[in-house]
């Protein structure tokens, strides 16, 4: 049996995070770990290797783009998808410049996220 892909989902909006995590878990082969803050995400990254990260831009203790930069500086090569309530071009460029592989506006369409 193949190992499940490990996903780290970081978002401080608990109802949104819980719902998205549940939807992702419905897909065979995905194991989702949740964090509500940048600090919790960094702690998780110290103890686990993730196949992909999903980071919200608006975290309570840090900007998700700054967290993305820090994670990249620490050598994480896994794909990073940024989530944001702001979908403008300038926001997208800032997210991609921070080291993210993709930038998805909320509300999230699961099919787009999984692609």
PDB file of N, CA and C in Angstrom:
ATOM      1  N   UNK A   1       0.841  -1.181   0.000  1.00  0.00           N
ATOM      2  CA  UNK A   1       0.000   0.000   0.000  1.00  0.00           C
ATOM      3  C   UNK A   1       0.886   1.244   0.000  1.00  0.00           C
ATOM      4  N   UNK A   2       0.580   2.194  -0.868  1.00  0.00           N
ATOM      5  CA  UNK A   2       1.378   3.405  -0.994  1.00  0.00           C
ATOM      6  C   UNK A   2       1.166   4.320   0.211  1.00  0.00           C
ATOM      7  N   UNK A   3       2.212   5.067   0.526  1.00  0.00           N
ATOM      8  CA  UNK A   3       2.143   6.029   1.626  1.00  0.00           C
ATOM      9  C   UNK A   3       1.243   7.194   1.223  1.00  0.00           C
ATOM     10  N   UNK A   4       0.417   7.639   2.146  1.00  0.00           N
ATOM     11  CA  UNK A   4      -0.457   8.780   1.888  1.00  0.00           C
ATOM     12  C   UNK A   4       0.381  10.048   1.768  1.00  0.00           C
ATOM     13  N   UNK A   5      -0.015  10.931   0.863  1.00  0.00           N
ATOM     14  CA  UNK A   5       0.642  12.229   0.746  1.00  0.00           C
ATOM     15  C   UNK A   5       0.315  13.053   1.983  1.00  0.00           C
ATOM     16  N   UNK A   6       1.344  13.624   2.581  1.00  0.00           N
ATOM     17  CA  UNK A   6       1.210  14.407   3.809  1.00  0.00           C
ATOM     18  C   UNK A   6       1.035  15.883   3.454  1.00  0.00           C
ATOM     19  N   UNK A   7      -0.086  16.466   3.865  1.00  0.00           N
ATOM     20  CA  UNK A   7      -0.404  17.863   3.578  1.00  0.00           C
ATOM     21  C   UNK A   7      -0.452  18.630   4.897  1.00  0.00           C
ATOM     22  N   UNK A   8       0.202  19.790   4.934  1.00  0.00           N
ATOM     23  CA  UNK A   8       0.091  20.683   6.088  1.00  0.00           C
ATOM     24  C   UNK A   8      -0.802  21.848   5.687  1.00  0.00           C
ATOM     25  N   UNK A   9      -1.941  21.979   6.358  1.00  0.00           N
ATOM     26  CA  UNK A   9      -2.912  23.037   6.106  1.00  0.00           C
ATOM     27  C   UNK A   9      -2.833  24.044   7.248  1.00  0.00           C
ATOM     28  N   UNK A  10      -2.473  25.287   6.923  1.00  0.00           N
ATOM     29  CA  UNK A  10      -2.276  26.325   7.939  1.00  0.00           C
ATOM     30  C   UNK A  10      -3.261  27.465   7.686  1.00  0.00           C
ATOM     31  N   UNK A  11      -4.249  27.592   8.564  1.00  0.00           N
ATOM     32  CA  UNK A  11      -5.252  28.651   8.450  1.00  0.00           C
ATOM     33  C   UNK A  11      -5.845  28.879   9.834  1.00  0.00           C
ATOM     34  N   UNK A  12      -6.004  30.140  10.232  1.00  0.00           N
ATOM     35  CA  UNK A  12      -6.514  30.440  11.570  1.00  0.00           C
ATOM     36  C   UNK A  12      -8.033  30.412  11.655  1.00  0.00           C
ATOM     37  N   UNK A  13      -8.716  30.372  10.526  1.00  0.00           N
ATOM     38  CA  UNK A  13     -10.176  30.316  10.503  1.00  0.00           C
ATOM     39  C   UNK A  13     -10.590  28.861  10.714  1.00  0.00           C
ATOM     40  N   UNK A  14     -10.900  28.517  11.976  1.00  0.00           N
ATOM     41  CA  UNK A  14     -11.129  27.109  12.318  1.00  0.00           C
ATOM     42  C   UNK A  14     -12.252  26.453  11.517  1.00  0.00           C
ATOM     43  N   UNK A  15     -13.425  27.089  11.368  1.00  0.00           N
ATOM     44  CA  UNK A  15     -14.467  26.429  10.569  1.00  0.00           C
ATOM     45  C   UNK A  15     -14.022  26.180   9.123  1.00  0.00           C
ATOM     46  N   UNK A  16     -13.365  27.164   8.522  1.00  0.00           N
ATOM     47  CA  UNK A  16     -12.874  26.994   7.151  1.00  0.00           C
ATOM     48  C   UNK A  16     -11.827  25.888   7.088  1.00  0.00           C
ATOM     49  N   UNK A  17     -10.857  25.934   8.011  1.00  0.00           N
ATOM     50  CA  UNK A  17      -9.769  24.947   8.017  1.00  0.00           C
ATOM     51  C   UNK A  17     -10.313  23.535   8.200  1.00  0.00           C
ATOM     52  N   UNK A  18     -11.240  23.394   9.141  1.00  0.00           N
ATOM     53  CA  UNK A  18     -11.817  22.080   9.416  1.00  0.00           C
ATOM     54  C   UNK A  18     -12.564  21.548   8.197  1.00  0.00           C
ATOM     55  N   UNK A  19     -13.362  22.401   7.572  1.00  0.00           N
ATOM     56  CA  UNK A  19     -14.123  21.989   6.386  1.00  0.00           C
ATOM     57  C   UNK A  19     -13.193  21.610   5.236  1.00  0.00           C
ATOM     58  N   UNK A  20     -12.187  22.427   4.979  1.00  0.00           N
ATOM     59  CA  UNK A  20     -11.255  22.123   3.893  1.00  0.00           C
ATOM     60  C   UNK A  20     -10.484  20.841   4.186  1.00  0.00           C
ATOM     61  N   UNK A  21     -10.050  20.670   5.410  1.00  0.00           N
ATOM     62  CA  UNK A  21      -9.323  19.449   5.783  1.00  0.00           C
ATOM     63  C   UNK A  21     -10.204  18.221   5.578  1.00  0.00           C
ATOM     64  N   UNK A  22     -11.472  18.317   5.964  1.00  0.00           N
ATOM     65  CA  UNK A  22     -12.390  17.192   5.780  1.00  0.00           C
ATOM     66  C   UNK A  22     -12.570  16.872   4.303  1.00  0.00           C
ATOM     67  N   UNK A  23     -12.701  17.898   3.475  1.00  0.00           N
ATOM     68  CA  UNK A  23     -12.854  17.677   2.036  1.00  0.00           C
ATOM     69  C   UNK A  23     -11.606  17.031   1.447  1.00  0.00           C
ATOM     70  N   UNK A  24     -10.446  17.499   1.869  1.00  0.00           N
ATOM     71  CA  UNK A  24      -9.196  16.916   1.365  1.00  0.00           C
ATOM     72  C   UNK A  24      -9.051  15.458   1.800  1.00  0.00           C
ATOM     73  N   UNK A  25      -9.463  15.168   3.026  1.00  0.00           N
ATOM     74  CA  UNK A  25      -9.342  13.795   3.544  1.00  0.00           C
ATOM     75  C   UNK A  25     -10.242  12.808   2.810  1.00  0.00           C
ATOM     76  N   UNK A  26     -11.258  13.304   2.132  1.00  0.00           N
ATOM     77  CA  UNK A  26     -12.129  12.425   1.356  1.00  0.00           C
ATOM     78  C   UNK A  26     -11.409  11.831   0.150  1.00  0.00           C
ATOM     79  N   UNK A  27     -10.322  12.454  -0.237  1.00  0.00           N
ATOM     80  CA  UNK A  27      -9.550  11.965  -1.377  1.00  0.00           C
ATOM     81  C   UNK A  27      -8.544  10.939  -0.893  1.00  0.00           C
ATOM     82  N   UNK A  28      -8.649   9.754  -1.446  1.00  0.00           N
ATOM     83  CA  UNK A  28      -7.756   8.665  -1.057  1.00  0.00           C
ATOM     84  C   UNK A  28      -6.310   9.078  -1.286  1.00  0.00           C
ATOM     85  N   UNK A  29      -5.484   8.757  -0.333  1.00  0.00           N
ATOM     86  CA  UNK A  29      -4.065   9.038  -0.476  1.00  0.00           C
ATOM     87  C   UNK A  29      -3.620  10.371   0.093  1.00  0.00           C
ATOM     88  N   UNK A  30      -4.523  11.100   0.769  1.00  0.00           N
ATOM     89  CA  UNK A  30      -4.150  12.376   1.388  1.00  0.00           C
ATOM     90  C   UNK A  30      -4.323  12.293   2.898  1.00  0.00           C
ATOM     91  N   UNK A  31      -3.284  12.655   3.618  1.00  0.00           N
ATOM     92  CA  UNK A  31      -3.365  12.785   5.073  1.00  0.00           C
ATOM     93  C   UNK A  31      -3.103  14.247   5.398  1.00  0.00           C
ATOM     94  N   UNK A  32      -4.051  14.884   6.077  1.00  0.00           N
ATOM     95  CA  UNK A  32      -3.985  16.324   6.324  1.00  0.00           C
ATOM     96  C   UNK A  32      -3.655  16.592   7.784  1.00  0.00           C
ATOM     97  N   UNK A  33      -2.638  17.424   7.996  1.00  0.00           N
ATOM     98  CA  UNK A  33      -2.261  17.908   9.324  1.00  0.00           C
ATOM     99  C   UNK A  33      -2.675  19.376   9.369  1.00  0.00           C
ATOM    100  N   UNK A  34      -3.215  19.812  10.496  1.00  0.00           N
ATOM    101  CA  UNK A  34      -3.724  21.176  10.604  1.00  0.00           C
ATOM    102  C   UNK A  34      -2.920  22.009  11.595  1.00  0.00           C
ATOM    103  N   UNK A  35      -2.801  23.303  11.280  1.00  0.00           N
ATOM    104  CA  UNK A  35      -2.174  24.272  12.181  1.00  0.00           C
ATOM    105  C   UNK A  35      -2.926  25.595  12.031  1.00  0.00           C
ATOM    106  N   UNK A  36      -3.027  26.349  13.133  1.00  0.00           N
ATOM    107  CA  UNK A  36      -3.764  27.613  13.121  1.00  0.00           C
ATOM    108  C   UNK A  36      -2.856  28.836  13.112  1.00  0.00           C
ATOM    109  N   UNK A  37      -1.561  28.646  13.347  1.00  0.00           N
ATOM    110  CA  UNK A  37      -0.627  29.773  13.421  1.00  0.00           C
ATOM    111  C   UNK A  37       0.668  29.431  12.688  1.00  0.00           C
ATOM    112  N   UNK A  38       1.441  30.462  12.419  1.00  0.00           N
ATOM    113  CA  UNK A  38       2.755  30.238  11.829  1.00  0.00           C
ATOM    114  C   UNK A  38       3.652  29.441  12.755  1.00  0.00           C
ATOM    115  N   UNK A  39       3.589  29.730  14.048  1.00  0.00           N
ATOM    116  CA  UNK A  39       4.412  28.998  15.015  1.00  0.00           C
ATOM    117  C   UNK A  39       4.062  27.517  15.017  1.00  0.00           C
ATOM    118  N   UNK A  40       2.767  27.215  15.018  1.00  0.00           N
ATOM    119  CA  UNK A  40       2.342  25.808  14.996  1.00  0.00           C
ATOM    120  C   UNK A  40       2.800  25.127  13.711  1.00  0.00           C
ATOM    121  N   UNK A  41       2.788  25.863  12.607  1.00  0.00           N
ATOM    122  CA  UNK A  41       3.256  25.301  11.338  1.00  0.00           C
ATOM    123  C   UNK A  41       4.749  24.993  11.402  1.00  0.00           C
ATOM    124  N   UNK A  42       5.531  25.919  11.944  1.00  0.00           N
ATOM    125  CA  UNK A  42       6.977  25.690  12.063  1.00  0.00           C
ATOM    126  C   UNK A  42       7.270  24.510  12.981  1.00  0.00           C
ATOM    127  N   UNK A  43       6.501  24.387  14.067  1.00  0.00           N
ATOM    128  CA  UNK A  43       6.662  23.234  14.965  1.00  0.00           C
ATOM    129  C   UNK A  43       6.380  21.933  14.217  1.00  0.00           C
ATOM    130  N   UNK A  44       5.314  21.913  13.431  1.00  0.00           N
ATOM    131  CA  UNK A  44       4.968  20.707  12.665  1.00  0.00           C
ATOM    132  C   UNK A  44       6.065  20.371  11.664  1.00  0.00           C
ATOM    133  N   UNK A  45       6.634  21.393  11.035  1.00  0.00           N
ATOM    134  CA  UNK A  45       7.694  21.177  10.044  1.00  0.00           C
ATOM    135  C   UNK A  45       8.975  20.648  10.680  1.00  0.00           C
ATOM    136  N   UNK A  46       9.165  20.906  11.962  1.00  0.00           N
ATOM    137  CA  UNK A  46      10.343  20.375  12.656  1.00  0.00           C
ATOM    138  C   UNK A  46      10.222  18.884  12.918  1.00  0.00           C
ATOM    139  N   UNK A  47       8.978  18.381  12.976  1.00  0.00           N
ATOM    140  CA  UNK A  47       8.748  16.987  13.346  1.00  0.00           C
ATOM    141  C   UNK A  47       8.268  16.105  12.203  1.00  0.00           C
ATOM    142  N   UNK A  48       7.850  16.705  11.096  1.00  0.00           N
ATOM    143  CA  UNK A  48       7.294  15.935   9.981  1.00  0.00           C
ATOM    144  C   UNK A  48       7.827  16.465   8.659  1.00  0.00           C
ATOM    145  N   UNK A  49       7.808  15.605   7.673  1.00  0.00           N
ATOM    146  CA  UNK A  49       8.092  16.006   6.302  1.00  0.00           C
ATOM    147  C   UNK A  49       6.765  15.995   5.561  1.00  0.00           C
ATOM    148  N   UNK A  50       6.457  17.090   4.891  1.00  0.00           N
ATOM    149  CA  UNK A  50       5.187  17.210   4.186  1.00  0.00           C
ATOM    150  C   UNK A  50       5.421  17.226   2.682  1.00  0.00           C
ATOM    151  N   UNK A  51       4.467  16.644   1.960  1.00  0.00           N
ATOM    152  CA  UNK A  51       4.539  16.606   0.507  1.00  0.00           C
ATOM    153  C   UNK A  51       4.031  17.900  -0.110  1.00  0.00           C
ATOM    154  N   UNK A  52       3.212  18.647   0.631  1.00  0.00           N
ATOM    155  CA  UNK A  52       2.699  19.937   0.175  1.00  0.00           C
ATOM    156  C   UNK A  52       2.235  20.737   1.384  1.00  0.00           C
ATOM    157  N   UNK A  53       2.292  22.063   1.241  1.00  0.00           N
ATOM    158  CA  UNK A  53       1.827  22.970   2.285  1.00  0.00           C
ATOM    159  C   UNK A  53       0.771  23.883   1.691  1.00  0.00           C
ATOM    160  N   UNK A  54      -0.270  24.144   2.461  1.00  0.00           N
ATOM    161  CA  UNK A  54      -1.301  25.105   2.090  1.00  0.00           C
ATOM    162  C   UNK A  54      -1.304  26.157   3.190  1.00  0.00           C
ATOM    163  N   UNK A  55      -0.911  27.388   2.837  1.00  0.00           N
ATOM    164  CA  UNK A  55      -0.736  28.452   3.833  1.00  0.00           C
ATOM    165  C   UNK A  55      -1.696  29.603   3.571  1.00  0.00           C
ATOM    166  N   UNK A  56      -2.407  30.032   4.600  1.00  0.00           N
ATOM    167  CA  UNK A  56      -3.228  31.232   4.509  1.00  0.00           C
ATOM    168  C   UNK A  56      -2.315  32.449   4.621  1.00  0.00           C
ATOM    169  N   UNK A  57      -2.643  33.501   3.905  1.00  0.00           N
ATOM    170  CA  UNK A  57      -1.849  34.731   3.987  1.00  0.00           C
ATOM    171  C   UNK A  57      -2.052  35.409   5.337  1.00  0.00           C
ATOM    172  N   UNK A  58      -3.291  35.463   5.814  1.00  0.00           N
ATOM    173  CA  UNK A  58      -3.606  36.214   7.029  1.00  0.00           C
ATOM    174  C   UNK A  58      -3.602  35.365   8.282  1.00  0.00           C
ATOM    175  N   UNK A  59      -2.429  35.080   8.804  1.00  0.00           N
ATOM    176  CA  UNK A  59      -2.314  34.322  10.049  1.00  0.00           C
ATOM    177  C   UNK A  59      -2.201  35.293  11.223  1.00  0.00           C
ATOM    178  N   UNK A  60      -2.612  34.884  12.418  1.00  0.00           N
ATOM    179  CA  UNK A  60      -2.614  35.817  13.551  1.00  0.00           C
ATOM    180  C   UNK A  60      -1.230  36.234  14.030  1.00  0.00           C
ATOM    181  N   UNK A  61      -0.226  35.395  13.825  1.00  0.00           N
ATOM    182  CA  UNK A  61       1.102  35.705  14.352  1.00  0.00           C
ATOM    183  C   UNK A  61       2.134  36.050  13.284  1.00  0.00           C
ATOM    184  N   UNK A  62       1.764  35.941  12.019  1.00  0.00           N
ATOM    185  CA  UNK A  62       2.690  36.274  10.939  1.00  0.00           C
ATOM    186  C   UNK A  62       1.930  36.386   9.632  1.00  0.00           C
ATOM    187  N   UNK A  63       2.528  37.026   8.677  1.00  0.00           N
ATOM    188  CA  UNK A  63       1.995  37.046   7.322  1.00  0.00           C
ATOM    189  C   UNK A  63       2.383  35.720   6.669  1.00  0.00           C
ATOM    190  N   UNK A  64       1.440  35.062   6.039  1.00  0.00           N
ATOM    191  CA  UNK A  64       1.716  33.775   5.412  1.00  0.00           C
ATOM    192  C   UNK A  64       2.831  33.831   4.382  1.00  0.00           C
ATOM    193  N   UNK A  65       2.981  34.991   3.724  1.00  0.00           N
ATOM    194  CA  UNK A  65       4.071  35.140   2.741  1.00  0.00           C
ATOM    195  C   UNK A  65       5.424  35.138   3.437  1.00  0.00           C
ATOM    196  N   UNK A  66       5.494  35.760   4.622  1.00  0.00           N
ATOM    197  CA  UNK A  66       6.744  35.726   5.394  1.00  0.00           C
ATOM    198  C   UNK A  66       7.041  34.304   5.859  1.00  0.00           C
ATOM    199  N   UNK A  67       6.002  33.589   6.261  1.00  0.00           N
ATOM    200  CA  UNK A  67       6.170  32.193   6.656  1.00  0.00           C
ATOM    201  C   UNK A  67       6.676  31.371   5.472  1.00  0.00           C
ATOM    202  N   UNK A  68       6.130  31.622   4.306  1.00  0.00           N
ATOM    203  CA  UNK A  68       6.568  30.916   3.099  1.00  0.00           C
ATOM    204  C   UNK A  68       8.054  31.165   2.840  1.00  0.00           C
ATOM    205  N   UNK A  69       8.473  32.424   2.927  1.00  0.00           N
ATOM    206  CA  UNK A  69       9.898  32.756   2.731  1.00  0.00           C
ATOM    207  C   UNK A  69      10.776  32.011   3.734  1.00  0.00           C
ATOM    208  N   UNK A  70      10.360  32.010   4.994  1.00  0.00           N
ATOM    209  CA  UNK A  70      11.125  31.348   6.050  1.00  0.00           C
ATOM    210  C   UNK A  70      11.218  29.843   5.801  1.00  0.00           C
ATOM    211  N   UNK A  71      10.117  29.246   5.421  1.00  0.00           N
ATOM    212  CA  UNK A  71      10.092  27.807   5.141  1.00  0.00           C
ATOM    213  C   UNK A  71      11.039  27.484   3.985  1.00  0.00           C
ATOM    214  N   UNK A  72      11.034  28.305   2.962  1.00  0.00           N
ATOM    215  CA  UNK A  72      11.947  28.096   1.826  1.00  0.00           C
ATOM    216  C   UNK A  72      13.404  28.261   2.272  1.00  0.00           C
ATOM    217  N   UNK A  73      13.685  29.262   3.108  1.00  0.00           N
ATOM    218  CA  UNK A  73      15.053  29.452   3.606  1.00  0.00           C
ATOM    219  C   UNK A  73      15.524  28.255   4.413  1.00  0.00           C
ATOM    220  N   UNK A  74      14.584  27.574   5.052  1.00  0.00           N
ATOM    221  CA  UNK A  74      14.921  26.381   5.839  1.00  0.00           C
ATOM    222  C   UNK A  74      15.066  25.137   4.968  1.00  0.00           C
ATOM    223  N   UNK A  75      14.934  25.306   3.674  1.00  0.00           N
ATOM    224  CA  UNK A  75      15.200  24.203   2.756  1.00  0.00           C
ATOM    225  C   UNK A  75      14.012  23.362   2.340  1.00  0.00           C
ATOM    226  N   UNK A  76      12.803  23.768   2.703  1.00  0.00           N
ATOM    227  CA  UNK A  76      11.625  22.997   2.300  1.00  0.00           C
ATOM    228  C   UNK A  76      11.400  23.182   0.802  1.00  0.00           C
ATOM    229  N   UNK A  77      11.373  22.076   0.078  1.00  0.00           N
ATOM    230  CA  UNK A  77      11.212  22.098  -1.378  1.00  0.00           C
ATOM    231  C   UNK A  77       9.798  21.721  -1.812  1.00  0.00           C
ATOM    232  N   UNK A  78       8.980  21.260  -0.880  1.00  0.00           N
ATOM    233  CA  UNK A  78       7.618  20.826  -1.200  1.00  0.00           C
ATOM    234  C   UNK A  78       6.819  21.975  -1.805  1.00  0.00           C
ATOM    235  N   UNK A  79       5.854  21.661  -2.668  1.00  0.00           N
ATOM    236  CA  UNK A  79       4.996  22.715  -3.216  1.00  0.00           C
ATOM    237  C   UNK A  79       4.248  23.449  -2.105  1.00  0.00           C
ATOM    238  N   UNK A  80       4.123  24.755  -2.275  1.00  0.00           N
ATOM    239  CA  UNK A  80       3.388  25.590  -1.323  1.00  0.00           C
ATOM    240  C   UNK A  80       2.302  26.334  -2.082  1.00  0.00           C
ATOM    241  N   UNK A  81       1.074  26.197  -1.589  1.00  0.00           N
ATOM    242  CA  UNK A  81      -0.065  26.914  -2.153  1.00  0.00           C
ATOM    243  C   UNK A  81      -0.510  27.937  -1.123  1.00  0.00           C
ATOM    244  N   UNK A  82      -0.583  29.194  -1.537  1.00  0.00           N
ATOM    245  CA  UNK A  82      -1.041  30.265  -0.656  1.00  0.00           C
ATOM    246  C   UNK A  82      -2.542  30.449  -0.842  1.00  0.00           C
ATOM    247  N   UNK A  83      -3.265  30.652   0.268  1.00  0.00           N
ATOM    248  CA  UNK A  83      -4.689  30.967   0.242  1.00  0.00           C
ATOM    249  C   UNK A  83      -4.867  32.408   0.685  1.00  0.00           C
ATOM    250  N   UNK A  84      -5.770  33.128   0.024  1.00  0.00           N
ATOM    251  CA  UNK A  84      -5.988  34.514   0.400  1.00  0.00           C
ATOM    252  C   UNK A  84      -7.419  34.941   0.136  1.00  0.00           C
ATOM    253  N   UNK A  85      -7.866  35.921   0.891  1.00  0.00           N
ATOM    254  CA  UNK A  85      -9.164  36.530   0.638  1.00  0.00           C
ATOM    255  C   UNK A  85      -9.036  37.615  -0.427  1.00  0.00           C
ATOM    256  N   UNK A  86      -7.807  37.966  -0.777  1.00  0.00           N
ATOM    257  CA  UNK A  86      -7.537  39.007  -1.774  1.00  0.00           C
ATOM    258  C   UNK A  86      -6.967  38.343  -3.020  1.00  0.00           C
ATOM    259  N   UNK A  87      -7.648  38.496  -4.137  1.00  0.00           N
ATOM    260  CA  UNK A  87      -7.211  37.806  -5.342  1.00  0.00           C
ATOM    261  C   UNK A  87      -6.654  38.712  -6.417  1.00  0.00           C
ATOM    262  N   UNK A  88      -6.256  39.930  -6.057  1.00  0.00           N
ATOM    263  CA  UNK A  88      -5.736  40.852  -7.058  1.00  0.00           C
ATOM    264  C   UNK A  88      -4.366  40.446  -7.570  1.00  0.00           C
ATOM    265  N   UNK A  89      -3.997  41.016  -8.711  1.00  0.00           N
ATOM    266  CA  UNK A  89      -2.705  40.699  -9.326  1.00  0.00           C
ATOM    267  C   UNK A  89      -1.535  41.014  -8.405  1.00  0.00           C
ATOM    268  N   UNK A  90      -1.587  42.161  -7.723  1.00  0.00           N
ATOM    269  CA  UNK A  90      -0.476  42.542  -6.843  1.00  0.00           C
ATOM    270  C   UNK A  90      -0.304  41.522  -5.722  1.00  0.00           C
ATOM    271  N   UNK A  91      -1.422  41.059  -5.155  1.00  0.00           N
ATOM    272  CA  UNK A  91      -1.350  40.048  -4.092  1.00  0.00           C
ATOM    273  C   UNK A  91      -0.784  38.739  -4.622  1.00  0.00           C
ATOM    274  N   UNK A  92      -1.219  38.355  -5.809  1.00  0.00           N
ATOM    275  CA  UNK A  92      -0.722  37.119  -6.412  1.00  0.00           C
ATOM    276  C   UNK A  92       0.780  37.198  -6.635  1.00  0.00           C
ATOM    277  N   UNK A  93       1.240  38.317  -7.158  1.00  0.00           N
ATOM    278  CA  UNK A  93       2.675  38.496  -7.412  1.00  0.00           C
ATOM    279  C   UNK A  93       3.464  38.430  -6.111  1.00  0.00           C
ATOM    280  N   UNK A  94       2.969  39.099  -5.056  1.00  0.00           N
ATOM    281  CA  UNK A  94       3.650  39.046  -3.756  1.00  0.00           C
ATOM    282  C   UNK A  94       3.732  37.613  -3.242  1.00  0.00           C
ATOM    283  N   UNK A  95       2.652  36.866  -3.398  1.00  0.00           N
ATOM    284  CA  UNK A  95       2.642  35.480  -2.941  1.00  0.00           C
ATOM    285  C   UNK A  95       3.625  34.612  -3.703  1.00  0.00           C
ATOM    286  N   UNK A  96       3.646  34.756  -5.005  1.00  0.00           N
ATOM    287  CA  UNK A  96       4.567  33.960  -5.815  1.00  0.00           C
ATOM    288  C   UNK A  96       6.013  34.374  -5.564  1.00  0.00           C
ATOM    289  N   UNK A  97       6.236  35.664  -5.373  1.00  0.00           N
ATOM    290  CA  UNK A  97       7.593  36.144  -5.075  1.00  0.00           C
ATOM    291  C   UNK A  97       8.098  35.640  -3.722  1.00  0.00           C
ATOM    292  N   UNK A  98       7.194  35.283  -2.828  1.00  0.00           N
ATOM    293  CA  UNK A  98       7.602  34.783  -1.513  1.00  0.00           C
ATOM    294  C   UNK A  98       8.065  33.329  -1.565  1.00  0.00           C
ATOM    295  N   UNK A  99       7.875  32.693  -2.720  1.00  0.00           N
ATOM    296  CA  UNK A  99       8.306  31.299  -2.865  1.00  0.00           C
ATOM    297  C   UNK A  99       7.177  30.311  -3.045  1.00  0.00           C
ATOM    298  N   UNK A 100       5.943  30.805  -3.087  1.00  0.00           N
ATOM    299  CA  UNK A 100       4.801  29.913  -3.288  1.00  0.00           C
ATOM    300  C   UNK A 100       4.770  29.410  -4.726  1.00  0.00           C
ATOM    301  N   UNK A 101       4.235  28.217  -4.895  1.00  0.00           N
ATOM    302  CA  UNK A 101       4.077  27.650  -6.227  1.00  0.00           C
ATOM    303  C   UNK A 101       2.768  28.068  -6.872  1.00  0.00           C
ATOM    304  N   UNK A 102       1.777  28.386  -6.040  1.00  0.00           N
ATOM    305  CA  UNK A 102       0.484  28.820  -6.558  1.00  0.00           C
ATOM    306  C   UNK A 102      -0.187  29.698  -5.511  1.00  0.00           C
ATOM    307  N   UNK A 103      -1.175  30.451  -5.957  1.00  0.00           N
ATOM    308  CA  UNK A 103      -1.849  31.433  -5.117  1.00  0.00           C
ATOM    309  C   UNK A 103      -3.330  31.321  -5.431  1.00  0.00           C
ATOM    310  N   UNK A 104      -4.138  30.863  -4.476  1.00  0.00           N
ATOM    311  CA  UNK A 104      -5.551  30.581  -4.708  1.00  0.00           C
ATOM    312  C   UNK A 104      -6.403  31.494  -3.833  1.00  0.00           C
ATOM    313  N   UNK A 105      -7.384  32.160  -4.463  1.00  0.00           N
ATOM    314  CA  UNK A 105      -8.271  33.059  -3.728  1.00  0.00           C
ATOM    315  C   UNK A 105      -9.404  32.275  -3.071  1.00  0.00           C
ATOM    316  N   UNK A 106      -9.792  32.731  -1.872  1.00  0.00           N
ATOM    317  CA  UNK A 106     -10.957  32.171  -1.190  1.00  0.00           C
ATOM    318  C   UNK A 106     -12.204  32.829  -1.772  1.00  0.00           C
ATOM    319  N   UNK A 107     -13.336  32.179  -1.845  1.00  0.00           N
ATOM    320  CA  UNK A 107     -13.556  30.804  -1.405  1.00  0.00           C
ATOM    321  C   UNK A 107     -12.854  29.825  -2.342  1.00  0.00           C
ATOM    322  N   UNK A 108     -12.327  28.791  -1.762  1.00  0.00           N
ATOM    323  CA  UNK A 108     -11.525  27.818  -2.495  1.00  0.00           C
ATOM    324  C   UNK A 108     -12.435  26.834  -3.216  1.00  0.00           C
ATOM    325  N   UNK A 109     -12.146  26.641  -4.494  1.00  0.00           N
ATOM    326  CA  UNK A 109     -12.803  25.567  -5.242  1.00  0.00           C
ATOM    327  C   UNK A 109     -11.878  24.367  -5.143  1.00  0.00           C
ATOM    328  N   UNK A 110     -12.360  23.301  -4.539  1.00  0.00           N
ATOM    329  CA  UNK A 110     -11.526  22.141  -4.243  1.00  0.00           C
ATOM    330  C   UNK A 110     -10.851  21.589  -5.491  1.00  0.00           C
ATOM    331  N   UNK A 111     -11.559  21.546  -6.596  1.00  0.00           N
ATOM    332  CA  UNK A 111     -10.967  21.040  -7.833  1.00  0.00           C
ATOM    333  C   UNK A 111      -9.756  21.845  -8.258  1.00  0.00           C
ATOM    334  N   UNK A 112      -9.822  23.163  -8.105  1.00  0.00           N
ATOM    335  CA  UNK A 112      -8.688  24.032  -8.444  1.00  0.00           C
ATOM    336  C   UNK A 112      -7.531  23.760  -7.497  1.00  0.00           C
ATOM    337  N   UNK A 113      -7.820  23.614  -6.225  1.00  0.00           N
ATOM    338  CA  UNK A 113      -6.776  23.366  -5.233  1.00  0.00           C
ATOM    339  C   UNK A 113      -6.076  22.032  -5.494  1.00  0.00           C
ATOM    340  N   UNK A 114      -6.834  21.009  -5.811  1.00  0.00           N
ATOM    341  CA  UNK A 114      -6.253  19.687  -6.038  1.00  0.00           C
ATOM    342  C   UNK A 114      -5.477  19.603  -7.346  1.00  0.00           C
ATOM    343  N   UNK A 115      -5.817  20.460  -8.295  1.00  0.00           N
ATOM    344  CA  UNK A 115      -5.101  20.439  -9.578  1.00  0.00           C
ATOM    345  C   UNK A 115      -3.688  20.928  -9.369  1.00  0.00           C
TER     346      UNK A 115
END
